[in-house]
């Protein structure tokens, strides 16, 4: 039940307005959909065959083939060994986890497709020098 006549009139008016506006909205939405369907924008577009994707693949291929000394898994290319950057063959990984690949064998820079070797490690205050046994001789 309604308390006053004013409240019931307001409720009826808002209901009438929404019923009047509903067909207009539906008609406008239908017209908009029809116009969008007429455009047929990007119907035949295939992102895998686009020029941008071709350039990206070409750039990736040239980066990997540009004489990187480590492969895409962080192993040495010429012998396939997975050696830590501390140059100890038996080391399971003594560095913090790499942000790029998640390995604990990457030193200061990730080994994935890296283009250089560490030739040696020299300790300050000691005469000890660790030389890289896996460094390819030219």
C-alpha atoms as a PDB file:
ATOM      1  CA  UNK A   1       0.000   0.000   0.000  1.00  0.00           C
ATOM      2  CA  UNK A   2       1.080   3.539  -0.685  1.00  0.00           C
ATOM      3  CA  UNK A   3       1.254   6.062   2.132  1.00  0.00           C
ATOM      4  CA  UNK A   4       0.414   9.154   0.130  1.00  0.00           C
ATOM      5  CA  UNK A   5      -0.901   9.890  -3.325  1.00  0.00           C
ATOM      6  CA  UNK A   6       2.263  11.839  -4.243  1.00  0.00           C
ATOM      7  CA  UNK A   7       4.537   8.829  -3.792  1.00  0.00           C
ATOM      8  CA  UNK A   8       2.372   6.539  -5.928  1.00  0.00           C
ATOM      9  CA  UNK A   9       2.248   9.116  -8.753  1.00  0.00           C
ATOM     10  CA  UNK A  10       6.053   9.433  -8.784  1.00  0.00           C
ATOM     11  CA  UNK A  11       6.461   5.653  -8.963  1.00  0.00           C
ATOM     12  CA  UNK A  12       3.989   5.407 -11.850  1.00  0.00           C
ATOM     13  CA  UNK A  13       5.667   8.265 -13.752  1.00  0.00           C
ATOM     14  CA  UNK A  14       9.122   6.672 -13.485  1.00  0.00           C
ATOM     15  CA  UNK A  15       7.691   3.346 -14.672  1.00  0.00           C
ATOM     16  CA  UNK A  16       6.014   5.029 -17.637  1.00  0.00           C
ATOM     17  CA  UNK A  17       9.231   6.839 -18.589  1.00  0.00           C
ATOM     18  CA  UNK A  18      11.253   3.677 -18.584  1.00  0.00           C
ATOM     19  CA  UNK A  19       8.650   1.879 -20.674  1.00  0.00           C
ATOM     20  CA  UNK A  20       8.653   4.758 -23.174  1.00  0.00           C
ATOM     21  CA  UNK A  21      12.449   4.962 -23.362  1.00  0.00           C
ATOM     22  CA  UNK A  22      13.039   1.225 -23.719  1.00  0.00           C
ATOM     23  CA  UNK A  23      11.910   0.902 -27.392  1.00  0.00           C
ATOM     24  CA  UNK A  24      13.974   3.975 -28.319  1.00  0.00           C
ATOM     25  CA  UNK A  25      17.108   2.491 -26.775  1.00  0.00           C
ATOM     26  CA  UNK A  26      16.551  -0.854 -28.460  1.00  0.00           C
ATOM     27  CA  UNK A  27      15.988   0.860 -31.800  1.00  0.00           C
ATOM     28  CA  UNK A  28      19.156   2.961 -31.419  1.00  0.00           C
ATOM     29  CA  UNK A  29      21.222  -0.095 -30.460  1.00  0.00           C
ATOM     30  CA  UNK A  30      19.861  -2.059 -33.434  1.00  0.00           C
ATOM     31  CA  UNK A  31      20.720   0.797 -35.822  1.00  0.00           C
ATOM     32  CA  UNK A  32      24.235   1.009 -34.392  1.00  0.00           C
ATOM     33  CA  UNK A  33      24.730  -2.756 -34.795  1.00  0.00           C
ATOM     34  CA  UNK A  34      23.527  -2.572 -38.407  1.00  0.00           C
ATOM     35  CA  UNK A  35      25.973   0.235 -39.194  1.00  0.00           C
ATOM     36  CA  UNK A  36      28.867  -1.683 -37.621  1.00  0.00           C
ATOM     37  CA  UNK A  37      27.963  -4.797 -39.611  1.00  0.00           C
ATOM     38  CA  UNK A  38      27.972  -2.762 -42.824  1.00  0.00           C
ATOM     39  CA  UNK A  39      31.561  -1.677 -42.254  1.00  0.00           C
ATOM     40  CA  UNK A  40      32.961  -5.231 -42.057  1.00  0.00           C
ATOM     41  CA  UNK A  41      36.089  -3.722 -40.529  1.00  0.00           C
ATOM     42  CA  UNK A  42      39.006  -6.170 -40.176  1.00  0.00           C
ATOM     43  CA  UNK A  43      36.948  -9.227 -41.140  1.00  0.00           C
ATOM     44  CA  UNK A  44      39.757 -10.681 -43.252  1.00  0.00           C
ATOM     45  CA  UNK A  45      42.573  -9.633 -40.876  1.00  0.00           C
ATOM     46  CA  UNK A  46      44.848 -12.458 -39.725  1.00  0.00           C
ATOM     47  CA  UNK A  47      47.288 -11.246 -37.051  1.00  0.00           C
ATOM     48  CA  UNK A  48      49.687 -14.140 -37.670  1.00  0.00           C
ATOM     49  CA  UNK A  49      50.179 -13.053 -41.288  1.00  0.00           C
ATOM     50  CA  UNK A  50      50.397  -9.308 -40.668  1.00  0.00           C
ATOM     51  CA  UNK A  51      53.443  -7.260 -41.636  1.00  0.00           C
ATOM     52  CA  UNK A  52      54.087  -6.436 -37.997  1.00  0.00           C
ATOM     53  CA  UNK A  53      54.224 -10.116 -37.027  1.00  0.00           C
ATOM     54  CA  UNK A  54      56.524 -10.893 -39.971  1.00  0.00           C
ATOM     55  CA  UNK A  55      58.906  -8.103 -38.908  1.00  0.00           C
ATOM     56  CA  UNK A  56      58.867  -9.364 -35.329  1.00  0.00           C
ATOM     57  CA  UNK A  57      59.701 -12.929 -36.367  1.00  0.00           C
ATOM     58  CA  UNK A  58      62.432 -11.694 -38.676  1.00  0.00           C
ATOM     59  CA  UNK A  59      63.956  -9.640 -35.861  1.00  0.00           C
ATOM     60  CA  UNK A  60      63.837 -12.598 -33.434  1.00  0.00           C
ATOM     61  CA  UNK A  61      65.524 -14.877 -35.947  1.00  0.00           C
ATOM     62  CA  UNK A  62      68.326 -12.421 -36.609  1.00  0.00           C
ATOM     63  CA  UNK A  63      68.927 -11.909 -32.884  1.00  0.00           C
ATOM     64  CA  UNK A  64      69.392 -15.618 -32.216  1.00  0.00           C
ATOM     65  CA  UNK A  65      71.646 -16.179 -35.201  1.00  0.00           C
ATOM     66  CA  UNK A  66      73.912 -13.227 -34.483  1.00  0.00           C
ATOM     67  CA  UNK A  67      76.733 -15.340 -33.053  1.00  0.00           C
ATOM     68  CA  UNK A  68      75.360 -15.790 -29.545  1.00  0.00           C
ATOM     69  CA  UNK A  69      77.623 -18.063 -27.520  1.00  0.00           C
ATOM     70  CA  UNK A  70      74.792 -19.415 -25.363  1.00  0.00           C
ATOM     71  CA  UNK A  71      71.593 -20.982 -26.701  1.00  0.00           C
ATOM     72  CA  UNK A  72      67.970 -20.195 -25.805  1.00  0.00           C
ATOM     73  CA  UNK A  73      68.227 -22.464 -22.714  1.00  0.00           C
ATOM     74  CA  UNK A  74      71.427 -20.883 -21.353  1.00  0.00           C
ATOM     75  CA  UNK A  75      73.770 -23.708 -22.410  1.00  0.00           C
ATOM     76  CA  UNK A  76      77.082 -23.162 -24.180  1.00  0.00           C
ATOM     77  CA  UNK A  77      76.444 -23.541 -27.929  1.00  0.00           C
ATOM     78  CA  UNK A  78      79.639 -25.228 -29.072  1.00  0.00           C
ATOM     79  CA  UNK A  79      79.533 -28.087 -26.513  1.00  0.00           C
ATOM     80  CA  UNK A  80      76.015 -28.019 -25.008  1.00  0.00           C
ATOM     81  CA  UNK A  81      77.214 -27.823 -21.377  1.00  0.00           C
ATOM     82  CA  UNK A  82      75.120 -26.137 -18.704  1.00  0.00           C
ATOM     83  CA  UNK A  83      77.898 -24.601 -16.588  1.00  0.00           C
ATOM     84  CA  UNK A  84      77.340 -22.046 -13.826  1.00  0.00           C
ATOM     85  CA  UNK A  85      78.941 -18.617 -14.225  1.00  0.00           C
ATOM     86  CA  UNK A  86      81.207 -19.398 -11.252  1.00  0.00           C
ATOM     87  CA  UNK A  87      82.942 -21.771 -13.735  1.00  0.00           C
ATOM     88  CA  UNK A  88      82.626 -24.815 -11.470  1.00  0.00           C
ATOM     89  CA  UNK A  89      81.300 -27.769 -13.470  1.00  0.00           C
ATOM     90  CA  UNK A  90      79.728 -29.452 -10.424  1.00  0.00           C
ATOM     91  CA  UNK A  91      77.964 -26.315  -9.149  1.00  0.00           C
ATOM     92  CA  UNK A  92      74.152 -26.691  -9.050  1.00  0.00           C
ATOM     93  CA  UNK A  93      73.807 -22.888  -9.204  1.00  0.00           C
ATOM     94  CA  UNK A  94      75.194 -20.454  -6.672  1.00  0.00           C
ATOM     95  CA  UNK A  95      73.671 -17.169  -7.866  1.00  0.00           C
ATOM     96  CA  UNK A  96      70.325 -15.636  -7.010  1.00  0.00           C
ATOM     97  CA  UNK A  97      67.465 -16.688  -9.265  1.00  0.00           C
ATOM     98  CA  UNK A  98      67.646 -14.888 -12.627  1.00  0.00           C
ATOM     99  CA  UNK A  99      64.811 -12.424 -13.265  1.00  0.00           C
ATOM    100  CA  UNK A 100      64.713 -13.327 -16.957  1.00  0.00           C
ATOM    101  CA  UNK A 101      64.899 -17.142 -17.056  1.00  0.00           C
ATOM    102  CA  UNK A 102      64.685 -18.231 -13.401  1.00  0.00           C
ATOM    103  CA  UNK A 103      68.014 -20.117 -13.416  1.00  0.00           C
ATOM    104  CA  UNK A 104      70.431 -19.954 -10.478  1.00  0.00           C
ATOM    105  CA  UNK A 105      73.385 -20.441 -12.832  1.00  0.00           C
ATOM    106  CA  UNK A 106      73.207 -16.987 -14.448  1.00  0.00           C
ATOM    107  CA  UNK A 107      75.660 -14.472 -13.055  1.00  0.00           C
ATOM    108  CA  UNK A 108      75.124 -10.744 -13.333  1.00  0.00           C
ATOM    109  CA  UNK A 109      73.584 -11.102 -16.792  1.00  0.00           C
ATOM    110  CA  UNK A 110      71.235 -13.815 -18.041  1.00  0.00           C
ATOM    111  CA  UNK A 111      72.873 -16.618 -20.046  1.00  0.00           C
ATOM    112  CA  UNK A 112      69.965 -17.022 -22.497  1.00  0.00           C
ATOM    113  CA  UNK A 113      71.329 -16.058 -25.962  1.00  0.00           C
ATOM    114  CA  UNK A 114      74.248 -14.260 -24.313  1.00  0.00           C
ATOM    115  CA  UNK A 115      76.993 -13.185 -26.716  1.00  0.00           C
ATOM    116  CA  UNK A 116      80.007 -13.349 -24.396  1.00  0.00           C
ATOM    117  CA  UNK A 117      81.870 -15.687 -22.034  1.00  0.00           C
ATOM    118  CA  UNK A 118      83.502 -14.806 -18.763  1.00  0.00           C
ATOM    119  CA  UNK A 119      87.181 -15.517 -19.478  1.00  0.00           C
ATOM    120  CA  UNK A 120      88.310 -15.545 -15.855  1.00  0.00           C
ATOM    121  CA  UNK A 121      87.428 -14.521 -12.314  1.00  0.00           C
ATOM    122  CA  UNK A 122      90.061 -12.625 -10.306  1.00  0.00           C
ATOM    123  CA  UNK A 123      89.683 -12.254  -6.536  1.00  0.00           C
ATOM    124  CA  UNK A 124      90.722  -8.974  -4.909  1.00  0.00           C
ATOM    125  CA  UNK A 125      93.367  -9.410  -2.194  1.00  0.00           C
ATOM    126  CA  UNK A 126      94.224 -12.951  -3.274  1.00  0.00           C
ATOM    127  CA  UNK A 127      96.421 -14.326  -5.995  1.00  0.00           C
ATOM    128  CA  UNK A 128      93.710 -16.798  -7.020  1.00  0.00           C
ATOM    129  CA  UNK A 129      92.356 -16.571 -10.557  1.00  0.00           C
ATOM    130  CA  UNK A 130      89.773 -18.969 -11.965  1.00  0.00           C
ATOM    131  CA  UNK A 131      90.053 -19.369 -15.734  1.00  0.00           C
ATOM    132  CA  UNK A 132      87.193 -20.563 -17.899  1.00  0.00           C
ATOM    133  CA  UNK A 133      87.993 -24.060 -19.201  1.00  0.00           C
ATOM    134  CA  UNK A 134      85.074 -23.936 -21.608  1.00  0.00           C
ATOM    135  CA  UNK A 135      86.169 -20.750 -23.365  1.00  0.00           C
ATOM    136  CA  UNK A 136      86.539 -21.702 -27.047  1.00  0.00           C
ATOM    137  CA  UNK A 137      90.075 -21.292 -28.339  1.00  0.00           C
ATOM    138  CA  UNK A 138      90.360 -19.516 -31.663  1.00  0.00           C
END
